[in-house]
Protein backbone atom coordinates (compact mmCIF):
# COMPACT_ATOMS: atom_id res chain seq x y z
CA MET A 1 53.03 1.95 34.10
CA SER A 2 54.56 3.31 31.02
CA SER A 3 53.17 0.36 28.90
CA ASN A 4 49.74 1.54 30.20
CA ILE A 5 50.49 5.08 29.11
CA ILE A 6 51.57 3.85 25.68
CA ILE A 7 48.48 1.72 25.39
CA LEU A 8 46.22 4.92 26.22
CA LEU A 9 48.13 7.14 23.81
CA SER A 10 47.68 4.53 21.22
CA LEU A 11 43.97 4.49 21.70
CA ALA A 12 43.76 8.02 21.97
CA ILE A 13 45.42 8.36 18.33
CA ALA A 14 43.30 5.51 16.98
CA VAL A 15 40.03 7.27 18.09
CA ILE A 16 41.18 10.60 16.83
CA GLY A 17 42.46 9.06 13.34
CA VAL A 18 39.00 7.12 12.97
CA GLY A 19 37.06 10.31 13.96
CA GLY A 20 39.08 12.33 11.15
CA PHE A 21 38.36 9.67 8.72
CA ILE A 22 34.79 9.89 9.44
CA ALA A 23 34.78 13.72 9.29
CA VAL A 24 36.63 13.69 5.91
CA LEU A 25 34.30 11.25 4.64
CA PHE A 26 31.30 13.18 5.64
CA MET A 27 32.86 16.47 4.21
CA LEU A 28 33.20 14.85 0.92
CA PHE A 29 29.92 12.79 0.58
CA SER A 30 27.71 15.44 2.61
CA GLU A 31 26.61 17.07 -0.53
CA LYS A 32 25.75 13.60 -2.27
CA ALA A 33 24.09 12.38 1.01
CA VAL A 34 21.96 15.46 1.20
CA GLU A 35 21.12 15.32 -2.68
CA ALA A 36 20.09 11.68 -2.43
CA GLY A 37 18.01 12.32 0.64
CA THR A 38 16.16 15.19 -1.17
CA ILE A 39 15.75 13.10 -4.18
CA LEU A 40 14.31 10.23 -2.10
CA ALA A 41 12.07 12.78 -0.12
CA ARG A 42 10.81 14.39 -3.48
CA ARG A 43 9.98 11.04 -4.78
CA ASN A 44 8.01 10.00 -1.61
CA LEU A 45 6.20 13.45 -1.82
CA GLU A 46 5.48 13.03 -5.61
CA ARG A 47 4.08 9.27 -5.06
CA SER A 48 1.94 10.32 -1.99
CA GLU A 49 0.47 13.22 -4.19
CA PHE A 50 -0.18 11.10 -7.21
CA GLU A 51 -1.89 8.28 -5.22
CA GLY A 52 -3.83 10.89 -3.11
CA LYS A 53 -5.35 12.20 -5.96
CA ASP A 54 -5.96 8.63 -7.42
CA LEU A 55 -8.07 8.26 -4.25
CA PHE A 56 -9.66 11.53 -4.10
CA LEU A 57 -7.74 12.55 -0.90
CA THR A 58 -6.92 16.03 -0.23
CA ALA A 59 -4.24 15.50 2.54
CA ASN A 60 -0.88 17.43 2.17
CA PRO A 61 1.71 14.85 1.11
CA GLU A 62 4.34 17.12 3.12
CA THR A 63 2.66 16.55 6.31
CA LEU A 64 2.27 13.02 5.90
CA LEU A 65 6.14 12.91 5.29
CA TRP A 66 7.12 14.70 8.29
CA ALA A 67 4.52 12.66 10.27
CA ASN A 68 6.10 9.52 9.02
CA LEU A 69 9.66 10.84 10.04
CA ALA A 70 8.35 12.07 13.47
CA GLY A 71 6.95 8.55 13.94
CA LEU A 72 10.08 6.88 12.98
CA ILE A 73 12.18 8.91 15.36
CA VAL A 74 9.74 8.68 18.26
CA LEU A 75 9.05 4.97 17.83
CA SER A 76 12.56 3.81 17.28
CA THR A 77 13.73 5.75 20.27
CA ALA A 78 11.40 4.58 22.51
CA ALA A 79 12.13 0.84 21.29
CA GLN A 80 15.72 1.25 21.88
CA ILE A 81 15.22 2.93 25.31
CA PHE A 82 12.62 0.62 26.68
CA ILE A 83 13.70 -2.64 25.04
CA GLY A 84 17.28 -2.16 24.16
CA SER A 85 17.60 -4.58 21.28
CA ALA A 86 19.10 -3.27 17.81
CA VAL A 87 17.00 -6.04 15.95
CA ILE A 88 13.72 -4.75 17.57
CA THR A 89 14.77 -1.23 17.10
CA LEU A 90 15.62 -1.93 13.37
CA GLY A 91 12.19 -3.61 12.90
CA VAL A 92 10.24 -0.91 14.41
CA ALA A 93 12.11 1.64 12.30
CA GLY A 94 11.52 -0.40 9.01
CA ALA A 95 7.83 -0.98 10.15
CA THR A 96 7.46 2.42 10.38
CA LEU A 97 8.75 3.49 7.24
CA LEU A 98 6.50 0.98 5.51
CA VAL A 99 3.43 2.21 7.14
CA PRO A 100 2.71 4.84 4.47
CA GLY A 101 2.98 2.39 1.64
CA PHE A 102 0.83 0.04 3.33
CA PHE A 103 -1.77 2.61 3.85
CA TRP A 104 -1.89 3.75 0.33
CA SER A 105 -1.95 0.11 -0.97
CA ARG A 106 -4.74 -0.95 1.66
CA ALA A 107 -6.98 2.15 0.64
CA ARG A 108 -6.46 1.61 -2.84
CA LYS A 109 -7.29 -1.93 -2.76
CA ARG A 110 -10.40 -1.29 -0.82
CA ARG A 111 -11.78 1.35 -3.21
CA PHE A 112 -10.93 -0.76 -6.07
CA LYS A 113 -13.07 -3.38 -4.56
CA MET A 114 -16.02 -1.32 -3.89
CA ILE A 115 -16.10 0.23 -7.44
CA GLU A 116 -15.96 -3.42 -8.61
CA ALA A 117 -19.05 -4.22 -6.57
CA GLN A 118 -20.87 -1.35 -7.88
CA LEU A 119 -20.12 -1.98 -11.58
CA PRO A 120 -23.07 -4.13 -12.19
CA ASP A 121 -25.82 -2.06 -11.04
CA ALA A 122 -23.93 1.29 -12.51
CA PHE A 123 -23.88 -0.31 -15.85
CA MET A 124 -27.80 -1.66 -15.62
CA MET A 125 -28.48 2.08 -14.78
CA LEU A 126 -26.35 3.21 -17.84
CA GLY A 127 -28.10 0.83 -20.09
CA SER A 128 -31.65 1.79 -18.96
CA SER A 129 -30.83 5.38 -19.52
CA LEU A 130 -29.68 4.81 -23.18
CA GLN A 131 -32.66 2.47 -23.69
CA SER A 132 -35.08 5.35 -22.59
CA GLY A 133 -33.40 7.42 -25.41
CA ALA A 134 -30.72 9.40 -23.68
CA SER A 135 -27.24 9.97 -25.18
CA ILE A 136 -24.27 8.39 -23.96
CA LEU A 137 -23.06 11.75 -22.01
CA VAL A 138 -26.51 12.41 -20.50
CA ALA A 139 -26.45 8.45 -19.54
CA LEU A 140 -23.18 8.71 -17.75
CA GLN A 141 -24.50 12.14 -16.02
CA THR A 142 -27.18 10.23 -14.65
CA VAL A 143 -24.90 7.28 -13.37
CA ALA A 144 -22.66 9.87 -11.87
CA GLU A 145 -25.58 11.44 -9.89
CA GLN A 146 -27.33 8.32 -8.69
CA SER A 147 -24.29 5.87 -8.18
CA PRO A 148 -22.56 5.73 -4.72
CA VAL A 149 -19.11 6.57 -3.98
CA PRO A 150 -16.58 5.83 -5.10
CA PHE A 151 -17.43 4.99 -8.28
CA SER A 152 -19.68 8.18 -9.00
CA GLN A 153 -16.30 10.15 -8.46
CA GLU A 154 -14.87 8.45 -11.33
CA ILE A 155 -17.86 8.79 -13.67
CA ARG A 156 -18.38 12.55 -12.56
CA LEU A 157 -14.74 13.10 -13.64
CA VAL A 158 -15.30 11.52 -16.95
CA VAL A 159 -18.46 13.65 -17.39
CA ARG A 160 -16.39 16.77 -16.61
CA LYS A 161 -13.33 16.00 -18.92
CA THR A 162 -15.97 15.48 -21.88
CA GLN A 163 -17.68 19.07 -20.86
CA VAL A 164 -14.18 20.72 -21.17
CA GLY A 165 -13.51 19.06 -24.73
CA ILE A 166 -11.91 15.89 -24.03
CA SER A 167 -13.63 12.85 -25.96
CA ILE A 168 -15.53 10.19 -24.31
CA ASP A 169 -13.26 7.70 -25.24
CA ASP A 170 -10.09 9.60 -23.91
CA ALA A 171 -11.85 10.29 -20.87
CA LEU A 172 -12.66 6.35 -20.41
CA LEU A 173 -9.15 5.68 -21.10
CA GLN A 174 -7.72 8.04 -18.36
CA MET A 175 -10.38 6.17 -16.10
CA GLU A 176 -8.83 3.03 -16.57
CA GLN A 177 -5.47 4.33 -16.13
CA ARG A 178 -6.69 5.68 -12.67
CA ALA A 179 -8.44 2.73 -11.74
CA PRO A 180 -6.82 -0.43 -13.38
CA ILE A 181 -9.55 -2.92 -12.26
CA ASP A 182 -9.95 -5.78 -14.75
CA SER A 183 -13.76 -5.57 -14.57
CA LEU A 184 -13.74 -1.68 -15.26
CA ILE A 185 -11.15 -2.14 -18.06
CA MET A 186 -13.30 -4.99 -19.77
CA ALA A 187 -16.36 -2.93 -19.45
CA SER A 188 -15.02 0.26 -20.65
CA SER A 189 -13.30 -1.32 -23.57
CA ALA A 190 -16.37 -2.97 -24.50
CA VAL A 191 -18.32 0.34 -24.52
CA ARG A 192 -15.53 2.09 -26.52
CA ILE A 193 -15.25 -0.93 -29.11
CA SER A 194 -19.11 -0.93 -29.55
CA ARG A 195 -19.42 2.84 -30.21
CA GLU A 196 -16.57 2.64 -32.56
CA VAL A 197 -17.52 -0.36 -34.79
CA GLY A 198 -21.40 0.25 -34.46
CA GLY A 199 -24.10 -2.14 -33.11
CA ASN A 200 -26.51 -2.20 -30.19
CA LEU A 201 -24.79 -0.45 -27.61
CA VAL A 202 -27.73 -1.01 -25.00
CA GLU A 203 -27.69 -4.69 -25.38
CA THR A 204 -23.84 -4.59 -25.15
CA ILE A 205 -24.00 -2.72 -21.84
CA PHE A 206 -26.71 -5.19 -20.47
CA GLY A 207 -24.46 -8.05 -21.45
CA ILE A 208 -21.47 -6.44 -19.81
CA ALA A 209 -23.76 -5.89 -16.73
CA ASP A 210 -24.95 -9.67 -16.59
CA THR A 211 -21.30 -10.65 -16.74
CA LEU A 212 -19.86 -8.72 -14.13
CA ARG A 213 -22.80 -9.60 -11.96
CA ARG A 214 -21.92 -13.18 -12.34
CA LYS A 215 -18.20 -12.61 -11.99
CA PHE A 216 -18.84 -10.86 -8.70
CA THR A 217 -20.99 -13.83 -7.54
CA MET A 218 -18.35 -16.41 -8.55
CA GLU A 219 -15.55 -14.12 -6.62
CA GLY A 220 -17.74 -13.85 -3.53
CA LYS A 221 -17.86 -17.78 -3.60
CA ILE A 222 -14.14 -18.05 -3.87
CA GLU A 223 -13.63 -15.46 -1.17
CA SER A 224 -15.89 -17.39 1.26
CA LEU A 225 -14.04 -20.61 0.26
CA THR A 226 -10.78 -19.26 1.35
CA ALA A 227 -11.68 -17.13 4.16
CA GLN A 228 -11.07 -20.01 6.59
CA GLY A 229 -7.48 -20.25 5.32
CA LYS A 230 -6.80 -16.62 5.40
CA ALA A 231 -8.03 -16.55 8.97
CA GLN A 232 -5.76 -19.72 10.00
CA GLY A 233 -2.86 -17.67 8.22
CA LYS A 234 -3.52 -14.66 10.53
CA PHE A 235 -3.78 -16.80 13.44
CA MET A 236 -0.66 -18.79 12.85
CA ALA A 237 1.32 -15.52 12.24
CA ALA A 238 0.15 -13.84 15.75
CA LEU A 239 0.34 -17.15 17.86
CA PRO A 240 4.34 -17.06 18.38
CA ILE A 241 4.01 -13.31 19.30
CA LEU A 242 1.27 -14.14 22.02
CA VAL A 243 3.15 -17.00 23.07
CA GLY A 244 6.44 -15.18 23.20
CA PHE A 245 4.77 -12.44 25.13
CA GLY A 246 3.25 -15.05 27.63
CA LEU A 247 6.67 -16.72 28.17
CA TRP A 248 8.32 -13.48 28.83
CA LEU A 249 5.51 -12.89 31.69
CA MET A 250 6.25 -16.22 33.23
CA ASP A 251 10.02 -16.39 32.70
CA PRO A 252 11.37 -12.83 31.83
CA VAL A 253 15.14 -13.78 32.58
CA SER A 254 15.22 -16.55 30.09
CA MET A 255 12.99 -14.42 27.48
CA ASN A 256 15.48 -11.55 27.91
CA LYS A 257 18.39 -13.44 26.50
CA LEU A 258 16.76 -12.80 22.95
CA VAL A 259 17.20 -9.30 23.69
CA ASP A 260 20.26 -9.00 25.70
CA THR A 261 22.83 -11.27 23.86
CA GLY A 262 23.90 -11.12 20.31
CA LEU A 263 23.14 -14.81 19.49
CA GLY A 264 19.45 -14.05 20.86
CA ASN A 265 19.39 -11.17 18.61
CA VAL A 266 20.44 -13.31 15.60
CA VAL A 267 17.68 -15.97 16.63
CA LEU A 268 15.09 -13.12 17.06
CA GLY A 269 15.83 -11.86 13.51
CA VAL A 270 15.63 -15.37 12.22
CA ILE A 271 12.25 -15.90 13.92
CA ILE A 272 10.85 -12.40 12.42
CA VAL A 273 12.14 -13.21 8.92
CA MET A 274 10.43 -16.69 9.07
CA GLN A 275 7.43 -15.43 10.34
CA VAL A 276 7.10 -12.92 7.62
CA LEU A 277 7.66 -15.32 4.75
CA GLY A 278 5.36 -17.84 6.30
CA PHE A 279 2.64 -15.14 6.47
CA ILE A 280 3.55 -14.19 2.95
CA GLY A 281 3.48 -17.89 1.52
CA ILE A 282 -0.13 -18.28 3.16
CA ASN A 283 -1.31 -15.47 1.52
CA LYS A 284 -0.13 -16.62 -1.85
CA VAL A 285 -1.58 -19.93 -1.14
CA THR A 286 -5.00 -18.57 -0.26
CA ASN A 287 -5.15 -15.83 -2.73
CA ILE A 288 -6.70 -17.21 -5.67
CA ASP A 289 -6.67 -15.04 -8.83
CA SER A 290 -10.31 -15.07 -10.15
């Protein structure tokens, strides 16, 4: 009886000691933790605002940040309550944190791809305007008015900057920084160099348009040839998830061991890591730099 009391007192003292130690650490490092969290939040806000301006989006970055945090809390709590696996909860939390970056990256790639597809027609229009006797600024304004979005937004911004005193060369350089597309940089650099050293600017622009059109055609052929490999990679990445869900429906007792036991959590974590690495590897193989 006395030994049990001693054990309980020892456990109570240990718990109090650990709690006190954690409290002291929290008091010592709380300011640094708050400062680190503030810096991280500020960086995320600045990144969201910067990338939003690049994409001509008017969404409030603070709203997006709080929505991301709310989604993190809600989805992680739901995963822990309904599944009860620490591995899955951490996976859901990590995936939720990566959603904004994935959104910005996908939106930028889609926008850049649309701009690249619009470049040949835009430069043909620019060359035709110059050939008819218009100045470079008037030709750019014509392209901004008649080109579709999103390239018209970039050219319209170039025209507005020239109207407030910025040179055309500097405005084109800023456009290259906003949209770092190889084809756009090549075409813009050719126009700037041709204006600087002299020569037939109309012929240069028509040559750029023809080169871009051929490049876009070749990239389309490459994408069509690699489309099957990309589709197979997505299918192979989704197949284990579908098979696992089907096995869970047929034999939930056996499949729950992946969630309820420590060894199962380790195996589940290894499976997730290998799936992600395999998907990245397949994308690297099928993504040909043209």
